[in-house]
PDB file of N, CA and C in Angstrom:
ATOM      1  N   MET A   1       0.809  -0.849   0.095  1.00  0.00           N
ATOM      2  CA  MET A   1       0.173   0.047   0.095  1.00  0.00           C
ATOM      3  C   MET A   1       0.813   1.068   0.089  1.00  0.00           C
ATOM      4  N   GLN A   2       1.995   1.420   0.762  1.00  0.00           N
ATOM      5  CA  GLN A   2       2.979   2.327   0.353  1.00  0.00           C
ATOM      6  C   GLN A   2       3.433   2.771  -1.175  1.00  0.00           C
ATOM      7  N   ALA A   3       3.664   1.566  -1.728  1.00  0.00           N
ATOM      8  CA  ALA A   3       3.623   1.589  -3.249  1.00  0.00           C
ATOM      9  C   ALA A   3       2.621   2.341  -4.208  1.00  0.00           C
ATOM     10  N   ASN A   4       1.374   1.820  -3.432  1.00  0.00           N
ATOM     11  CA  ASN A   4       0.086   2.378  -4.286  1.00  0.00           C
ATOM     12  C   ASN A   4      -0.913   2.703  -3.251  1.00  0.00           C
ATOM     13  N   PRO A   5      -0.890   3.897  -2.636  1.00  0.00           N
ATOM     14  CA  PRO A   5      -1.841   4.065  -1.599  1.00  0.00           C
ATOM     15  C   PRO A   5      -3.304   3.876  -1.959  1.00  0.00           C
ATOM     16  N   ALA A   6      -3.715   4.094  -3.480  1.00  0.00           N
ATOM     17  CA  ALA A   6      -4.958   3.897  -3.727  1.00  0.00           C
ATOM     18  C   ALA A   6      -5.934   2.698  -3.475  1.00  0.00           C
ATOM     19  N   VAL A   7      -6.775   2.280  -2.566  1.00  0.00           N
ATOM     20  CA  VAL A   7      -7.582   1.080  -2.166  1.00  0.00           C
ATOM     21  C   VAL A   7      -9.095   1.357  -2.184  1.00  0.00           C
ATOM     22  N   GLU A   8      -9.647   0.155  -2.146  1.00  0.00           N
ATOM     23  CA  GLU A   8     -11.020  -0.017  -2.320  1.00  0.00           C
ATOM     24  C   GLU A   8     -11.440  -1.106  -1.356  1.00  0.00           C
ATOM     25  N   MET A   9     -12.470  -0.540  -0.582  1.00  0.00           N
ATOM     26  CA  MET A   9     -13.038  -1.894   0.433  1.00  0.00           C
ATOM     27  C   MET A   9     -14.202  -2.034  -0.099  1.00  0.00           C
ATOM     28  N   CYS A  10     -14.945  -3.046   0.284  1.00  0.00           N
ATOM     29  CA  CYS A  10     -16.129  -3.901   0.021  1.00  0.00           C
ATOM     30  C   CYS A  10     -17.122  -4.174   0.838  1.00  0.00           C
ATOM     31  N   PHE A  11     -18.036  -4.053   1.357  1.00  0.00           N
ATOM     32  CA  PHE A  11     -18.826  -4.722   2.165  1.00  0.00           C
ATOM     33  C   PHE A  11     -20.147  -5.064   1.847  1.00  0.00           C
ATOM     34  N   TYR A  12     -20.529  -6.281   2.153  1.00  0.00           N
ATOM     35  CA  TYR A  12     -21.611  -6.925   1.293  1.00  0.00           C
ATOM     36  C   TYR A  12     -22.754  -7.679   2.356  1.00  0.00           C
ATOM     37  N   ASN A  13     -23.870  -7.005   2.204  1.00  0.00           N
ATOM     38  CA  ASN A  13     -25.108  -7.313   3.024  1.00  0.00           C
ATOM     39  C   ASN A  13     -25.655  -8.274   2.188  1.00  0.00           C
ATOM     40  N   ALA A  14     -25.741  -9.650   2.497  1.00  0.00           N
ATOM     41  CA  ALA A  14     -26.374 -10.750   1.863  1.00  0.00           C
ATOM     42  C   ALA A  14     -27.970 -10.654   1.715  1.00  0.00           C
ATOM     43  N   GLU A  15     -28.622  -9.987   2.892  1.00  0.00           N
ATOM     44  CA  GLU A  15     -30.139  -9.776   3.224  1.00  0.00           C
ATOM     45  C   GLU A  15     -30.534  -8.825   2.173  1.00  0.00           C
ATOM     46  N   GLU A  16     -29.935  -7.954   1.894  1.00  0.00           N
ATOM     47  CA  GLU A  16     -30.393  -7.062   0.919  1.00  0.00           C
ATOM     48  C   GLU A  16     -29.371  -7.080  -0.401  1.00  0.00           C
ATOM     49  N   ASP A  17     -28.549  -7.984  -0.948  1.00  0.00           N
ATOM     50  CA  ASP A  17     -27.893  -8.058  -1.909  1.00  0.00           C
ATOM     51  C   ASP A  17     -27.396  -6.552  -2.211  1.00  0.00           C
ATOM     52  N   ARG A  18     -26.947  -6.182  -1.262  1.00  0.00           N
ATOM     53  CA  ARG A  18     -26.362  -5.022  -1.413  1.00  0.00           C
ATOM     54  C   ARG A  18     -25.019  -4.784  -1.013  1.00  0.00           C
ATOM     55  N   GLN A  19     -23.947  -3.773  -1.865  1.00  0.00           N
ATOM     56  CA  GLN A  19     -22.799  -3.539  -1.559  1.00  0.00           C
ATOM     57  C   GLN A  19     -22.726  -2.027  -0.984  1.00  0.00           C
ATOM     58  N   VAL A  20     -21.734  -2.198  -0.159  1.00  0.00           N
ATOM     59  CA  VAL A  20     -21.163  -0.758   0.028  1.00  0.00           C
ATOM     60  C   VAL A  20     -19.651  -0.895  -0.531  1.00  0.00           C
ATOM     61  N   ARG A  21     -19.091   0.089  -1.339  1.00  0.00           N
ATOM     62  CA  ARG A  21     -17.811   0.235  -1.922  1.00  0.00           C
ATOM     63  C   ARG A  21     -17.315   1.799  -1.380  1.00  0.00           C
ATOM     64  N   ILE A  22     -16.018   1.868  -0.724  1.00  0.00           N
ATOM     65  CA  ILE A  22     -15.301   2.948  -0.359  1.00  0.00           C
ATOM     66  C   ILE A  22     -14.146   2.655  -0.667  1.00  0.00           C
ATOM     67  N   GLU A  23     -13.729   3.738  -1.494  1.00  0.00           N
ATOM     68  CA  GLU A  23     -12.349   4.024  -2.017  1.00  0.00           C
ATOM     69  C   GLU A  23     -11.896   5.344  -1.424  1.00  0.00           C
ATOM     70  N   GLY A  24     -10.540   5.279  -1.475  1.00  0.00           N
ATOM     71  CA  GLY A  24      -9.546   6.592  -1.116  1.00  0.00           C
ATOM     72  C   GLY A  24      -8.374   6.271  -1.231  1.00  0.00           C
ATOM     73  N   THR A  25      -7.469   7.035  -0.347  1.00  0.00           N
ATOM     74  CA  THR A  25      -5.921   6.744  -0.502  1.00  0.00           C
ATOM     75  C   THR A  25      -5.592   6.534   0.959  1.00  0.00           C
ATOM     76  N   VAL A  26      -4.537   5.584   1.085  1.00  0.00           N
ATOM     77  CA  VAL A  26      -4.073   5.597   2.758  1.00  0.00           C
ATOM     78  C   VAL A  26      -2.722   6.202   2.842  1.00  0.00           C
ATOM     79  N   GLU A  27      -2.401   6.576   4.043  1.00  0.00           N
ATOM     80  CA  GLU A  27      -1.466   6.991   4.348  1.00  0.00           C
ATOM     81  C   GLU A  27      -0.940   6.107   5.856  1.00  0.00           C
ATOM     82  N   MET A  28       0.152   5.977   5.728  1.00  0.00           N
ATOM     83  CA  MET A  28       0.943   4.956   6.890  1.00  0.00           C
ATOM     84  C   MET A  28       1.175   6.056   8.160  1.00  0.00           C
ATOM     85  N   LEU A  29       1.064   5.808   9.248  1.00  0.00           N
ATOM     86  CA  LEU A  29       0.884   6.481  10.305  1.00  0.00           C
ATOM     87  C   LEU A  29       1.712   5.802  11.400  1.00  0.00           C
ATOM     88  N   ASP A  30       3.031   6.247  11.783  1.00  0.00           N
ATOM     89  CA  ASP A  30       3.936   5.912  12.503  1.00  0.00           C
ATOM     90  C   ASP A  30       3.699   6.420  14.112  1.00  0.00           C
ATOM     91  N   ASP A  31       2.975   6.068  14.686  1.00  0.00           N
ATOM     92  CA  ASP A  31       2.554   6.511  16.399  1.00  0.00           C
ATOM     93  C   ASP A  31       2.387   5.545  17.221  1.00  0.00           C
ATOM     94  N   LEU A  32       3.480   5.488  17.872  1.00  0.00           N
ATOM     95  CA  LEU A  32       3.280   4.221  18.928  1.00  0.00           C
ATOM     96  C   LEU A  32       2.255   4.060  19.719  1.00  0.00           C
ATOM     97  N   ASP A  33       1.650   5.187  20.396  1.00  0.00           N
ATOM     98  CA  ASP A  33       0.508   5.293  21.073  1.00  0.00           C
ATOM     99  C   ASP A  33      -0.700   4.837  20.270  1.00  0.00           C
ATOM    100  N   LEU A  34      -1.108   5.245  19.129  1.00  0.00           N
ATOM    101  CA  LEU A  34      -1.893   4.688  18.128  1.00  0.00           C
ATOM    102  C   LEU A  34      -1.584   3.076  18.155  1.00  0.00           C
ATOM    103  N   LYS A  35      -0.597   2.741  17.992  1.00  0.00           N
ATOM    104  CA  LYS A  35      -0.260   1.292  17.687  1.00  0.00           C
ATOM    105  C   LYS A  35      -0.466   0.191  19.431  1.00  0.00           C
ATOM    106  N   LYS A  36      -0.263   0.798  20.537  1.00  0.00           N
ATOM    107  CA  LYS A  36      -0.825   0.464  21.605  1.00  0.00           C
ATOM    108  C   LYS A  36      -2.363   0.140  21.667  1.00  0.00           C
ATOM    109  N   GLN A  37      -2.721   1.370  21.368  1.00  0.00           N
ATOM    110  CA  GLN A  37      -4.435   1.400  21.252  1.00  0.00           C
ATOM    111  C   GLN A  37      -4.902   0.063  20.361  1.00  0.00           C
ATOM    112  N   VAL A  38      -4.614   0.225  19.194  1.00  0.00           N
ATOM    113  CA  VAL A  38      -4.725  -0.804  18.411  1.00  0.00           C
ATOM    114  C   VAL A  38      -4.821  -2.454  19.078  1.00  0.00           C
ATOM    115  N   VAL A  39      -3.737  -2.587  19.765  1.00  0.00           N
ATOM    116  CA  VAL A  39      -3.234  -3.917  20.187  1.00  0.00           C
ATOM    117  C   VAL A  39      -3.969  -4.408  21.541  1.00  0.00           C
ATOM    118  N   GLU A  40      -4.435  -2.635  22.436  1.00  0.00           N
ATOM    119  CA  GLU A  40      -5.411  -3.249  23.315  1.00  0.00           C
ATOM    120  C   GLU A  40      -6.891  -3.348  22.840  1.00  0.00           C
ATOM    121  N   ASP A  41      -7.125  -2.832  21.383  1.00  0.00           N
ATOM    122  CA  ASP A  41      -8.347  -3.045  21.034  1.00  0.00           C
ATOM    123  C   ASP A  41      -8.565  -4.335  20.349  1.00  0.00           C
ATOM    124  N   PHE A  42      -7.553  -5.126  19.850  1.00  0.00           N
ATOM    125  CA  PHE A  42      -7.860  -6.114  19.218  1.00  0.00           C
ATOM    126  C   PHE A  42      -6.549  -7.363  19.826  1.00  0.00           C
ATOM    127  N   SER A  43      -7.251  -7.477  20.793  1.00  0.00           N
ATOM    128  CA  SER A  43      -6.451  -8.430  21.775  1.00  0.00           C
ATOM    129  C   SER A  43      -5.652  -9.513  21.124  1.00  0.00           C
ATOM    130  N   PHE A  44      -6.267 -10.350  20.280  1.00  0.00           N
ATOM    131  CA  PHE A  44      -5.555 -11.115  19.420  1.00  0.00           C
ATOM    132  C   PHE A  44      -3.995 -11.094  18.773  1.00  0.00           C
ATOM    133  N   LEU A  45      -3.836  -9.818  18.912  1.00  0.00           N
ATOM    134  CA  LEU A  45      -2.563  -9.351  18.478  1.00  0.00           C
ATOM    135  C   LEU A  45      -1.350  -9.345  19.398  1.00  0.00           C
ATOM    136  N   LYS A  46      -1.638  -9.248  20.561  1.00  0.00           N
ATOM    137  CA  LYS A  46      -0.883  -9.211  21.703  1.00  0.00           C
ATOM    138  C   LYS A  46       0.091 -10.361  21.933  1.00  0.00           C
ATOM    139  N   PRO A  47      -0.178 -11.527  21.496  1.00  0.00           N
ATOM    140  CA  PRO A  47       0.948 -12.701  21.561  1.00  0.00           C
ATOM    141  C   PRO A  47       1.794 -12.151  20.009  1.00  0.00           C
ATOM    142  N   TRP A  48       1.587 -11.843  19.267  1.00  0.00           N
ATOM    143  CA  TRP A  48       2.709 -11.333  18.090  1.00  0.00           C
ATOM    144  C   TRP A  48       3.157 -10.128  18.397  1.00  0.00           C
ATOM    145  N   ILE A  49       2.545  -9.098  19.164  1.00  0.00           N
ATOM    146  CA  ILE A  49       3.329  -7.931  19.266  1.00  0.00           C
ATOM    147  C   ILE A  49       4.431  -8.314  20.464  1.00  0.00           C
ATOM    148  N   GLU A  50       4.127  -9.104  21.402  1.00  0.00           N
ATOM    149  CA  GLU A  50       5.049  -9.527  22.516  1.00  0.00           C
ATOM    150  C   GLU A  50       6.170 -10.249  22.099  1.00  0.00           C
ATOM    151  N   LYS A  51       5.841 -10.845  20.942  1.00  0.00           N
ATOM    152  CA  LYS A  51       7.205 -11.682  20.352  1.00  0.00           C
ATOM    153  C   LYS A  51       7.859 -10.849  19.507  1.00  0.00           C
ATOM    154  N   GLU A  52       7.133 -10.161  18.296  1.00  0.00           N
ATOM    155  CA  GLU A  52       8.175  -9.191  17.225  1.00  0.00           C
ATOM    156  C   GLU A  52       8.443  -7.917  17.641  1.00  0.00           C
ATOM    157  N   GLY A  53       7.450  -7.267  18.857  1.00  0.00           N
ATOM    158  CA  GLY A  53       7.576  -5.731  18.836  1.00  0.00           C
ATOM    159  C   GLY A  53       6.544  -4.850  18.200  1.00  0.00           C
ATOM    160  N   TYR A  54       6.389  -3.669  18.550  1.00  0.00           N
ATOM    161  CA  TYR A  54       5.308  -2.853  17.819  1.00  0.00           C
ATOM    162  C   TYR A  54       5.870  -2.676  16.248  1.00  0.00           C
ATOM    163  N   GLU A  55       7.107  -2.828  16.096  1.00  0.00           N
ATOM    164  CA  GLU A  55       7.882  -2.433  14.610  1.00  0.00           C
ATOM    165  C   GLU A  55       7.056  -3.164  13.406  1.00  0.00           C
ATOM    166  N   VAL A  56       6.524  -4.295  13.975  1.00  0.00           N
ATOM    167  CA  VAL A  56       5.941  -5.253  12.791  1.00  0.00           C
ATOM    168  C   VAL A  56       4.546  -4.799  12.307  1.00  0.00           C
ATOM    169  N   LEU A  57       4.075  -3.713  13.373  1.00  0.00           N
ATOM    170  CA  LEU A  57       2.640  -3.435  13.198  1.00  0.00           C
ATOM    171  C   LEU A  57       2.675  -2.220  12.280  1.00  0.00           C
ATOM    172  N   ILE A  58       1.663  -2.109  11.238  1.00  0.00           N
ATOM    173  CA  ILE A  58       1.701  -0.952  10.606  1.00  0.00           C
ATOM    174  C   ILE A  58       0.538  -0.607  10.439  1.00  0.00           C
ATOM    175  N   VAL A  59       0.071   0.812  10.677  1.00  0.00           N
ATOM    176  CA  VAL A  59      -1.301   1.263  10.869  1.00  0.00           C
ATOM    177  C   VAL A  59      -1.486   2.112   9.630  1.00  0.00           C
ATOM    178  N   TYR A  60      -2.379   2.119   9.324  1.00  0.00           N
ATOM    179  CA  TYR A  60      -2.901   3.163   7.998  1.00  0.00           C
ATOM    180  C   TYR A  60      -3.983   4.072   8.272  1.00  0.00           C
ATOM    181  N   ARG A  61      -4.073   5.058   7.788  1.00  0.00           N
ATOM    182  CA  ARG A  61      -5.350   5.954   7.981  1.00  0.00           C
ATOM    183  C   ARG A  61      -6.044   6.252   6.318  1.00  0.00           C
ATOM    184  N   LEU A  62      -7.326   5.865   6.212  1.00  0.00           N
ATOM    185  CA  LEU A  62      -7.825   6.138   4.822  1.00  0.00           C
ATOM    186  C   LEU A  62      -8.504   7.716   4.731  1.00  0.00           C
ATOM    187  N   LYS A  63      -7.991   8.156   3.790  1.00  0.00           N
ATOM    188  CA  LYS A  63      -8.283   9.768   3.723  1.00  0.00           C
ATOM    189  C   LYS A  63      -8.941  10.033   2.400  1.00  0.00           C
ATOM    190  N   ASP A  64      -9.730  10.976   2.055  1.00  0.00           N
ATOM    191  CA  ASP A  64     -10.197  11.308   0.986  1.00  0.00           C
ATOM    192  C   ASP A  64     -11.302  10.337   0.455  1.00  0.00           C
ATOM    193  N   ALA A  65     -11.743   9.834   1.038  1.00  0.00           N
ATOM    194  CA  ALA A  65     -12.759   8.705   1.026  1.00  0.00           C
ATOM    195  C   ALA A  65     -14.011   9.061   0.516  1.00  0.00           C
ATOM    196  N   LYS A  66     -14.081   8.150  -0.506  1.00  0.00           N
ATOM    197  CA  LYS A  66     -15.650   8.418  -0.768  1.00  0.00           C
ATOM    198  C   LYS A  66     -16.430   7.054  -1.178  1.00  0.00           C
ATOM    199  N   ALA A  67     -17.866   6.865  -0.778  1.00  0.00           N
ATOM    200  CA  ALA A  67     -18.498   5.518  -0.655  1.00  0.00           C
ATOM    201  C   ALA A  67     -19.859   5.664  -1.764  1.00  0.00           C
ATOM    202  N   THR A  68     -20.086   4.317  -2.195  1.00  0.00           N
ATOM    203  CA  THR A  68     -21.317   4.299  -3.045  1.00  0.00           C
ATOM    204  C   THR A  68     -21.966   2.987  -2.543  1.00  0.00           C
ATOM    205  N   THR A  69     -23.146   2.664  -2.932  1.00  0.00           N
ATOM    206  CA  THR A  69     -23.873   1.586  -3.069  1.00  0.00           C
ATOM    207  C   THR A  69     -23.935   0.903  -4.415  1.00  0.00           C
ATOM    208  N   TRP A  70     -23.857  -0.248  -4.239  1.00  0.00           N
ATOM    209  CA  TRP A  70     -24.025  -1.445  -5.664  1.00  0.00           C
ATOM    210  C   TRP A  70     -24.950  -2.491  -5.352  1.00  0.00           C
ATOM    211  N   THR A  71     -25.936  -2.204  -6.443  1.00  0.00           N
ATOM    212  CA  THR A  71     -26.692  -3.851  -6.524  1.00  0.00           C
ATOM    213  C   THR A  71     -26.853  -4.301  -7.959  1.00  0.00           C
ATOM    214  N   MET A  72     -27.433  -5.152  -8.001  1.00  0.00           N
ATOM    215  CA  MET A  72     -27.738  -5.690  -9.394  1.00  0.00           C
ATOM    216  C   MET A  72     -28.350  -4.825 -10.262  1.00  0.00           C
ATOM    217  N   ASP A  73     -29.515  -4.445  -9.612  1.00  0.00           N
ATOM    218  CA  ASP A  73     -30.501  -3.270  -9.800  1.00  0.00           C
ATOM    219  C   ASP A  73     -29.887  -2.198 -10.961  1.00  0.00           C
ATOM    220  N   ASN A  74     -28.956  -1.452  -9.883  1.00  0.00           N
ATOM    221  CA  ASN A  74     -28.230  -0.546 -10.385  1.00  0.00           C
ATOM    222  C   ASN A  74     -26.555  -0.507 -10.795  1.00  0.00           C
ATOM    223  N   ASN A  75     -26.372  -1.637 -11.287  1.00  0.00           N
ATOM    224  CA  ASN A  75     -25.017  -1.906 -11.698  1.00  0.00           C
ATOM    225  C   ASN A  75     -24.553  -0.998 -13.063  1.00  0.00           C
ATOM    226  N   PHE A  76     -25.667  -0.719 -13.690  1.00  0.00           N
ATOM    227  CA  PHE A  76     -25.202   0.096 -14.961  1.00  0.00           C
ATOM    228  C   PHE A  76     -25.488   1.335 -14.882  1.00  0.00           C
ATOM    229  N   ASP A  77     -26.050   1.720 -13.840  1.00  0.00           N
ATOM    230  CA  ASP A  77     -26.423   3.246 -13.432  1.00  0.00           C
ATOM    231  C   ASP A  77     -24.928   3.882 -13.043  1.00  0.00           C
ATOM    232  N   PRO A  78     -24.756   5.380 -13.615  1.00  0.00           N
ATOM    233  CA  PRO A  78     -23.874   6.117 -13.177  1.00  0.00           C
ATOM    234  C   PRO A  78     -23.633   6.287 -11.293  1.00  0.00           C
ATOM    235  N   LYS A  79     -22.415   5.972 -11.151  1.00  0.00           N
ATOM    236  CA  LYS A  79     -22.408   5.963  -9.510  1.00  0.00           C
ATOM    237  C   LYS A  79     -22.211   7.011  -8.996  1.00  0.00           C
ATOM    238  N   GLN A  80     -23.182   7.333  -7.810  1.00  0.00           N
ATOM    239  CA  GLN A  80     -23.476   8.176  -7.049  1.00  0.00           C
ATOM    240  C   GLN A  80     -22.629   8.258  -5.794  1.00  0.00           C
ATOM    241  N   TYR A  81     -21.890   9.230  -5.336  1.00  0.00           N
ATOM    242  CA  TYR A  81     -20.961   8.695  -4.372  1.00  0.00           C
ATOM    243  C   TYR A  81     -21.241   9.988  -3.286  1.00  0.00           C
ATOM    244  N   ILE A  82     -21.002   9.646  -1.952  1.00  0.00           N
ATOM    245  CA  ILE A  82     -20.918  10.637  -1.043  1.00  0.00           C
ATOM    246  C   ILE A  82     -19.341  10.541  -0.353  1.00  0.00           C
ATOM    247  N   GLN A  83     -18.903  11.876   0.028  1.00  0.00           N
ATOM    248  CA  GLN A  83     -17.847  12.119   0.545  1.00  0.00           C
ATOM    249  C   GLN A  83     -18.049  11.702   2.111  1.00  0.00           C
ATOM    250  N   LEU A  84     -16.769  10.613   2.800  1.00  0.00           N
ATOM    251  CA  LEU A  84     -16.483  10.558   4.022  1.00  0.00           C
ATOM    252  C   LEU A  84     -15.611  11.388   4.765  1.00  0.00           C
TER     253      LEU A  84
END
Protein backbone atom coordinates (compact mmCIF):
# COMPACT_ATOMS: atom_id res chain seq x y z
CA MET A 1 0.00 0.00 0.00
CA GLN A 2 2.98 2.27 0.38
CA ALA A 3 3.82 1.83 -3.31
CA ASN A 4 0.18 2.27 -4.39
CA PRO A 5 -1.94 3.99 -1.73
CA ALA A 6 -5.17 3.88 -3.77
CA VAL A 7 -7.50 1.39 -2.06
CA GLU A 8 -11.06 0.17 -2.28
CA MET A 9 -13.01 -1.77 0.33
CA CYS A 10 -16.24 -3.64 -0.24
CA PHE A 11 -18.81 -4.61 2.39
CA TYR A 12 -21.62 -6.96 1.37
CA ASN A 13 -25.06 -7.34 2.95
CA ALA A 14 -26.48 -10.67 1.76
CA GLU A 15 -29.97 -9.99 3.14
CA GLU A 16 -30.35 -6.92 0.92
CA ASP A 17 -28.02 -8.15 -1.84
CA ARG A 18 -26.24 -4.80 -1.57
CA GLN A 19 -22.63 -3.69 -1.43
CA VAL A 20 -21.13 -0.57 0.05
CA ARG A 21 -17.92 0.29 -1.72
CA ILE A 22 -15.46 2.76 -0.21
CA GLU A 23 -12.46 4.12 -2.05
CA GLY A 24 -9.72 6.53 -1.12
CA THR A 25 -6.05 6.74 -0.38
CA VAL A 26 -4.18 5.49 2.65
CA GLU A 27 -1.30 6.98 4.54
CA MET A 28 0.94 5.13 6.94
CA LEU A 29 0.94 6.40 10.53
CA ASP A 30 4.03 5.88 12.66
CA ASP A 31 2.44 6.53 16.06
CA LEU A 32 3.40 4.23 18.92
CA ASP A 33 0.46 5.33 21.10
CA LEU A 34 -1.94 4.50 18.28
CA LYS A 35 -0.30 1.10 17.79
CA LYS A 36 -0.70 0.40 21.51
CA GLN A 37 -4.38 1.34 21.30
CA VAL A 38 -4.88 -0.97 18.31
CA VAL A 39 -3.32 -3.89 20.20
CA GLU A 40 -5.45 -3.09 23.26
CA ASP A 41 -8.62 -3.03 21.13
CA PHE A 42 -7.69 -6.19 19.21
CA SER A 43 -6.23 -8.44 21.88
CA PHE A 44 -5.56 -11.31 19.45
CA LEU A 45 -2.55 -9.23 18.31
CA LYS A 46 -0.92 -9.25 21.77
CA PRO A 47 1.04 -12.53 21.44
CA TRP A 48 2.42 -11.43 18.07
CA ILE A 49 3.46 -8.00 19.37
CA GLU A 50 4.95 -9.50 22.54
CA LYS A 51 7.09 -11.76 20.36
CA GLU A 52 8.01 -9.36 17.54
CA GLY A 53 7.58 -5.84 18.97
CA TYR A 54 5.50 -2.91 17.77
CA GLU A 55 7.79 -2.35 14.78
CA VAL A 56 6.02 -5.12 12.84
CA LEU A 57 2.61 -3.45 13.19
CA ILE A 58 1.79 -0.94 10.45
CA VAL A 59 -1.23 1.33 10.87
CA TYR A 60 -2.84 3.10 7.94
CA ARG A 61 -5.44 5.86 7.82
CA LEU A 62 -7.94 6.20 4.99
CA LYS A 63 -8.25 9.74 3.67
CA ASP A 64 -10.11 11.47 0.86
CA ALA A 65 -12.65 8.64 1.00
CA LYS A 66 -15.92 8.38 -0.85
CA ALA A 67 -18.58 5.67 -0.78
CA THR A 68 -21.27 4.32 -3.06
CA THR A 69 -23.79 1.50 -2.90
CA TRP A 70 -24.11 -1.19 -5.51
CA THR A 71 -26.81 -3.73 -6.37
CA MET A 72 -27.56 -5.79 -9.45
CA ASP A 73 -30.46 -3.40 -10.10
CA ASN A 74 -28.23 -0.32 -10.36
CA ASN A 75 -25.10 -1.99 -11.72
CA PHE A 76 -25.05 0.00 -14.97
CA ASP A 77 -26.29 3.33 -13.54
CA PRO A 78 -23.79 6.15 -13.04
CA LYS A 79 -22.26 5.90 -9.58
CA GLN A 80 -23.41 8.37 -6.96
CA TYR A 81 -20.82 9.00 -4.24
CA ILE A 82 -20.88 10.55 -0.81
CA GLN A 83 -17.73 12.00 0.73
CA LEU A 84 -16.69 10.45 4.03
